[in-house]
Amino acid sequence: MTRARDLLNEALEHAKILQEVSMIAQIKVQLGQIDYIEGNFKKSLETFMETYKLNRNVVLWQKISLGSILITKSKLGTVQSLLKLN
């Protein structure tokens, strides 16, 4: 388990450098599983809660981005239809 934890911690540092939030969350889930197997239940729960917050923020950001894209496309369609009238 020590070797797996070391490799995951190294991957976590690379993911943080690249700012890959979804990858950071996946790595933290695996670290939480290792903590659970080793009997560190409190640390495991804290890790899973942190991962949940990361995933929730990613999904929220994706929804906000999709909404703004749809609004922008809607505005573009309105502008194009107004240009056709002139």
N, C-alpha and C. Protein backbone atom coordinates (compact mmCIF):
# COMPACT_ATOMS: atom_id res chain seq x y z
N MET A 1 0.81 -1.19 0.00
CA MET A 1 0.00 0.00 0.00
C MET A 1 0.86 1.27 0.00
N THR A 2 2.03 1.17 0.59
CA THR A 2 2.89 2.35 0.66
C THR A 2 3.33 2.79 -0.73
N ARG A 3 3.67 1.82 -1.56
CA ARG A 3 4.10 2.13 -2.93
C ARG A 3 2.96 2.75 -3.72
N ALA A 4 1.75 2.22 -3.57
CA ALA A 4 0.59 2.76 -4.26
C ALA A 4 0.32 4.19 -3.80
N ARG A 5 0.42 4.43 -2.49
CA ARG A 5 0.20 5.77 -1.95
C ARG A 5 1.24 6.75 -2.51
N ASP A 6 2.50 6.32 -2.56
CA ASP A 6 3.56 7.18 -3.09
C ASP A 6 3.31 7.55 -4.55
N LEU A 7 2.91 6.56 -5.35
CA LEU A 7 2.64 6.82 -6.76
C LEU A 7 1.44 7.76 -6.94
N LEU A 8 0.41 7.55 -6.12
CA LEU A 8 -0.77 8.41 -6.20
C LEU A 8 -0.44 9.84 -5.77
N ASN A 9 0.38 9.98 -4.74
CA ASN A 9 0.78 11.33 -4.31
C ASN A 9 1.59 12.04 -5.38
N GLU A 10 2.43 11.30 -6.10
CA GLU A 10 3.19 11.88 -7.19
C GLU A 10 2.26 12.30 -8.34
N ALA A 11 1.30 11.43 -8.65
CA ALA A 11 0.32 11.76 -9.69
C ALA A 11 -0.53 12.96 -9.27
N LEU A 12 -0.84 13.06 -7.99
CA LEU A 12 -1.62 14.18 -7.48
C LEU A 12 -0.87 15.50 -7.66
N GLU A 13 0.42 15.49 -7.42
CA GLU A 13 1.21 16.71 -7.61
C GLU A 13 1.22 17.13 -9.07
N HIS A 14 1.33 16.17 -9.98
CA HIS A 14 1.31 16.50 -11.41
C HIS A 14 -0.07 17.04 -11.82
N ALA A 15 -1.12 16.44 -11.29
CA ALA A 15 -2.48 16.90 -11.62
C ALA A 15 -2.71 18.31 -11.09
N LYS A 16 -2.16 18.62 -9.92
CA LYS A 16 -2.29 19.98 -9.38
C LYS A 16 -1.55 20.98 -10.25
N ILE A 17 -0.37 20.60 -10.74
CA ILE A 17 0.39 21.49 -11.62
C ILE A 17 -0.41 21.77 -12.89
N LEU A 18 -1.04 20.74 -13.43
CA LEU A 18 -1.83 20.89 -14.66
C LEU A 18 -3.23 21.44 -14.41
N GLN A 19 -3.61 21.56 -13.14
CA GLN A 19 -4.91 22.07 -12.72
C GLN A 19 -6.06 21.23 -13.30
N GLU A 20 -5.88 19.92 -13.28
CA GLU A 20 -6.90 18.98 -13.73
C GLU A 20 -7.76 18.58 -12.54
N VAL A 21 -8.85 19.31 -12.31
CA VAL A 21 -9.65 19.10 -11.11
C VAL A 21 -10.29 17.72 -11.09
N SER A 22 -10.78 17.26 -12.23
CA SER A 22 -11.42 15.94 -12.25
C SER A 22 -10.40 14.83 -11.97
N MET A 23 -9.19 14.99 -12.46
CA MET A 23 -8.14 14.01 -12.20
C MET A 23 -7.72 14.05 -10.73
N ILE A 24 -7.64 15.25 -10.16
CA ILE A 24 -7.32 15.38 -8.74
C ILE A 24 -8.37 14.64 -7.91
N ALA A 25 -9.63 14.80 -8.27
CA ALA A 25 -10.70 14.12 -7.54
C ALA A 25 -10.58 12.61 -7.65
N GLN A 26 -10.27 12.09 -8.83
CA GLN A 26 -10.12 10.64 -9.01
C GLN A 26 -8.97 10.09 -8.17
N ILE A 27 -7.87 10.83 -8.14
CA ILE A 27 -6.72 10.38 -7.36
C ILE A 27 -7.05 10.39 -5.87
N LYS A 28 -7.76 11.43 -5.43
CA LYS A 28 -8.13 11.52 -4.01
C LYS A 28 -9.09 10.39 -3.61
N VAL A 29 -9.95 9.98 -4.53
CA VAL A 29 -10.84 8.84 -4.24
C VAL A 29 -10.00 7.60 -3.98
N GLN A 30 -9.00 7.37 -4.80
CA GLN A 30 -8.14 6.21 -4.62
C GLN A 30 -7.34 6.29 -3.33
N LEU A 31 -6.87 7.50 -2.98
CA LEU A 31 -6.16 7.67 -1.72
C LEU A 31 -7.10 7.41 -0.53
N GLY A 32 -8.35 7.84 -0.67
CA GLY A 32 -9.34 7.58 0.37
C GLY A 32 -9.62 6.10 0.53
N GLN A 33 -9.63 5.37 -0.58
CA GLN A 33 -9.83 3.92 -0.51
C GLN A 33 -8.67 3.25 0.20
N ILE A 34 -7.46 3.69 -0.06
CA ILE A 34 -6.30 3.13 0.63
C ILE A 34 -6.39 3.40 2.12
N ASP A 35 -6.79 4.64 2.47
CA ASP A 35 -6.95 4.97 3.90
C ASP A 35 -7.98 4.06 4.54
N TYR A 36 -9.06 3.80 3.85
CA TYR A 36 -10.12 2.94 4.39
C TYR A 36 -9.62 1.51 4.60
N ILE A 37 -8.88 1.01 3.62
CA ILE A 37 -8.35 -0.36 3.73
C ILE A 37 -7.37 -0.46 4.89
N GLU A 38 -6.59 0.60 5.10
CA GLU A 38 -5.61 0.59 6.19
C GLU A 38 -6.24 0.85 7.55
N GLY A 39 -7.52 1.20 7.57
CA GLY A 39 -8.21 1.42 8.84
C GLY A 39 -8.24 2.87 9.30
N ASN A 40 -7.77 3.78 8.48
CA ASN A 40 -7.81 5.22 8.80
C ASN A 40 -9.16 5.77 8.34
N PHE A 41 -10.21 5.43 9.07
CA PHE A 41 -11.57 5.75 8.65
C PHE A 41 -11.85 7.25 8.65
N LYS A 42 -11.34 7.96 9.65
CA LYS A 42 -11.57 9.40 9.72
C LYS A 42 -10.91 10.10 8.53
N LYS A 43 -9.67 9.77 8.25
CA LYS A 43 -8.95 10.38 7.12
C LYS A 43 -9.63 10.01 5.80
N SER A 44 -10.09 8.78 5.70
CA SER A 44 -10.78 8.33 4.50
C SER A 44 -12.05 9.15 4.27
N LEU A 45 -12.84 9.35 5.32
CA LEU A 45 -14.06 10.12 5.20
C LEU A 45 -13.77 11.57 4.83
N GLU A 46 -12.74 12.16 5.43
CA GLU A 46 -12.36 13.53 5.10
C GLU A 46 -11.95 13.64 3.63
N THR A 47 -11.22 12.65 3.16
CA THR A 47 -10.79 12.65 1.75
C THR A 47 -11.99 12.54 0.82
N PHE A 48 -12.93 11.66 1.14
CA PHE A 48 -14.12 11.51 0.29
C PHE A 48 -14.97 12.78 0.30
N MET A 49 -15.06 13.44 1.45
CA MET A 49 -15.83 14.69 1.52
C MET A 49 -15.16 15.78 0.67
N GLU A 50 -13.85 15.86 0.73
CA GLU A 50 -13.11 16.83 -0.08
C GLU A 50 -13.30 16.54 -1.57
N THR A 51 -13.27 15.26 -1.92
CA THR A 51 -13.46 14.86 -3.32
C THR A 51 -14.86 15.23 -3.79
N TYR A 52 -15.85 15.02 -2.93
CA TYR A 52 -17.22 15.38 -3.28
C TYR A 52 -17.32 16.88 -3.58
N LYS A 53 -16.66 17.70 -2.77
CA LYS A 53 -16.69 19.15 -3.00
C LYS A 53 -16.04 19.49 -4.33
N LEU A 54 -14.92 18.83 -4.64
CA LEU A 54 -14.25 19.09 -5.92
C LEU A 54 -15.16 18.73 -7.09
N ASN A 55 -15.77 17.54 -7.03
CA ASN A 55 -16.64 17.10 -8.12
C ASN A 55 -17.86 18.00 -8.25
N ARG A 56 -18.43 18.41 -7.13
CA ARG A 56 -19.60 19.27 -7.16
C ARG A 56 -19.26 20.60 -7.81
N ASN A 57 -18.08 21.15 -7.50
CA ASN A 57 -17.67 22.42 -8.10
C ASN A 57 -17.42 22.27 -9.59
N VAL A 58 -16.89 21.13 -10.02
CA VAL A 58 -16.65 20.90 -11.45
C VAL A 58 -17.98 20.83 -12.19
N VAL A 59 -18.94 20.09 -11.65
CA VAL A 59 -20.25 19.96 -12.31
C VAL A 59 -20.95 21.30 -12.34
N LEU A 60 -20.88 22.06 -11.25
CA LEU A 60 -21.51 23.38 -11.20
C LEU A 60 -20.89 24.28 -12.24
N TRP A 61 -19.55 24.27 -12.34
CA TRP A 61 -18.86 25.10 -13.32
C TRP A 61 -19.26 24.70 -14.73
N GLN A 62 -19.38 23.39 -15.00
CA GLN A 62 -19.78 22.93 -16.32
C GLN A 62 -21.19 23.41 -16.65
N LYS A 63 -22.10 23.36 -15.67
CA LYS A 63 -23.47 23.81 -15.91
C LYS A 63 -23.50 25.31 -16.19
N ILE A 64 -22.72 26.09 -15.43
CA ILE A 64 -22.68 27.53 -15.64
C ILE A 64 -22.12 27.84 -17.01
N SER A 65 -21.05 27.14 -17.40
CA SER A 65 -20.44 27.37 -18.72
C SER A 65 -21.42 27.01 -19.83
N LEU A 66 -22.11 25.89 -19.70
CA LEU A 66 -23.07 25.48 -20.72
C LEU A 66 -24.20 26.49 -20.81
N GLY A 67 -24.67 26.98 -19.66
CA GLY A 67 -25.73 27.98 -19.66
C GLY A 67 -25.30 29.26 -20.35
N SER A 68 -24.08 29.72 -20.10
CA SER A 68 -23.62 30.95 -20.73
C SER A 68 -23.42 30.75 -22.22
N ILE A 69 -23.01 29.55 -22.64
CA ILE A 69 -22.87 29.28 -24.07
C ILE A 69 -24.24 29.31 -24.74
N LEU A 70 -25.24 28.72 -24.10
CA LEU A 70 -26.59 28.73 -24.67
C LEU A 70 -27.15 30.14 -24.74
N ILE A 71 -26.90 30.95 -23.71
CA ILE A 71 -27.37 32.33 -23.72
C ILE A 71 -26.69 33.10 -24.84
N THR A 72 -25.39 32.92 -24.99
CA THR A 72 -24.64 33.60 -26.04
C THR A 72 -25.17 33.20 -27.41
N LYS A 73 -25.44 31.91 -27.61
CA LYS A 73 -25.95 31.44 -28.89
C LYS A 73 -27.34 32.03 -29.15
N SER A 74 -28.14 32.13 -28.11
CA SER A 74 -29.48 32.71 -28.24
C SER A 74 -29.37 34.18 -28.64
N LYS A 75 -28.48 34.92 -28.02
CA LYS A 75 -28.29 36.33 -28.35
C LYS A 75 -27.81 36.48 -29.79
N LEU A 76 -26.92 35.58 -30.20
CA LEU A 76 -26.40 35.63 -31.57
C LEU A 76 -27.53 35.40 -32.56
N GLY A 77 -28.42 34.46 -32.27
CA GLY A 77 -29.57 34.21 -33.14
C GLY A 77 -30.48 35.42 -33.21
N THR A 78 -30.68 36.10 -32.10
CA THR A 78 -31.51 37.30 -32.08
C THR A 78 -30.88 38.40 -32.92
N VAL A 79 -29.59 38.59 -32.79
CA VAL A 79 -28.89 39.61 -33.58
C VAL A 79 -28.97 39.28 -35.06
N GLN A 80 -28.79 38.01 -35.41
CA GLN A 80 -28.86 37.63 -36.83
C GLN A 80 -30.26 37.85 -37.40
N SER A 81 -31.29 37.56 -36.60
CA SER A 81 -32.64 37.77 -37.10
C SER A 81 -32.94 39.26 -37.24
N LEU A 82 -32.39 40.09 -36.37
CA LEU A 82 -32.59 41.54 -36.49
C LEU A 82 -31.87 42.07 -37.73
N LEU A 83 -30.70 41.52 -38.03
CA LEU A 83 -29.96 41.95 -39.21
C LEU A 83 -30.72 41.58 -40.49
N LYS A 84 -31.42 40.47 -40.49
CA LYS A 84 -32.20 40.05 -41.66
C LYS A 84 -33.35 41.00 -41.91
N LEU A 85 -33.91 41.58 -40.86
CA LEU A 85 -35.04 42.51 -41.01
C LEU A 85 -34.60 43.80 -41.69
N ASN A 86 -33.38 44.20 -41.47
CA ASN A 86 -32.89 45.44 -42.08
C ASN A 86 -32.51 45.17 -43.47
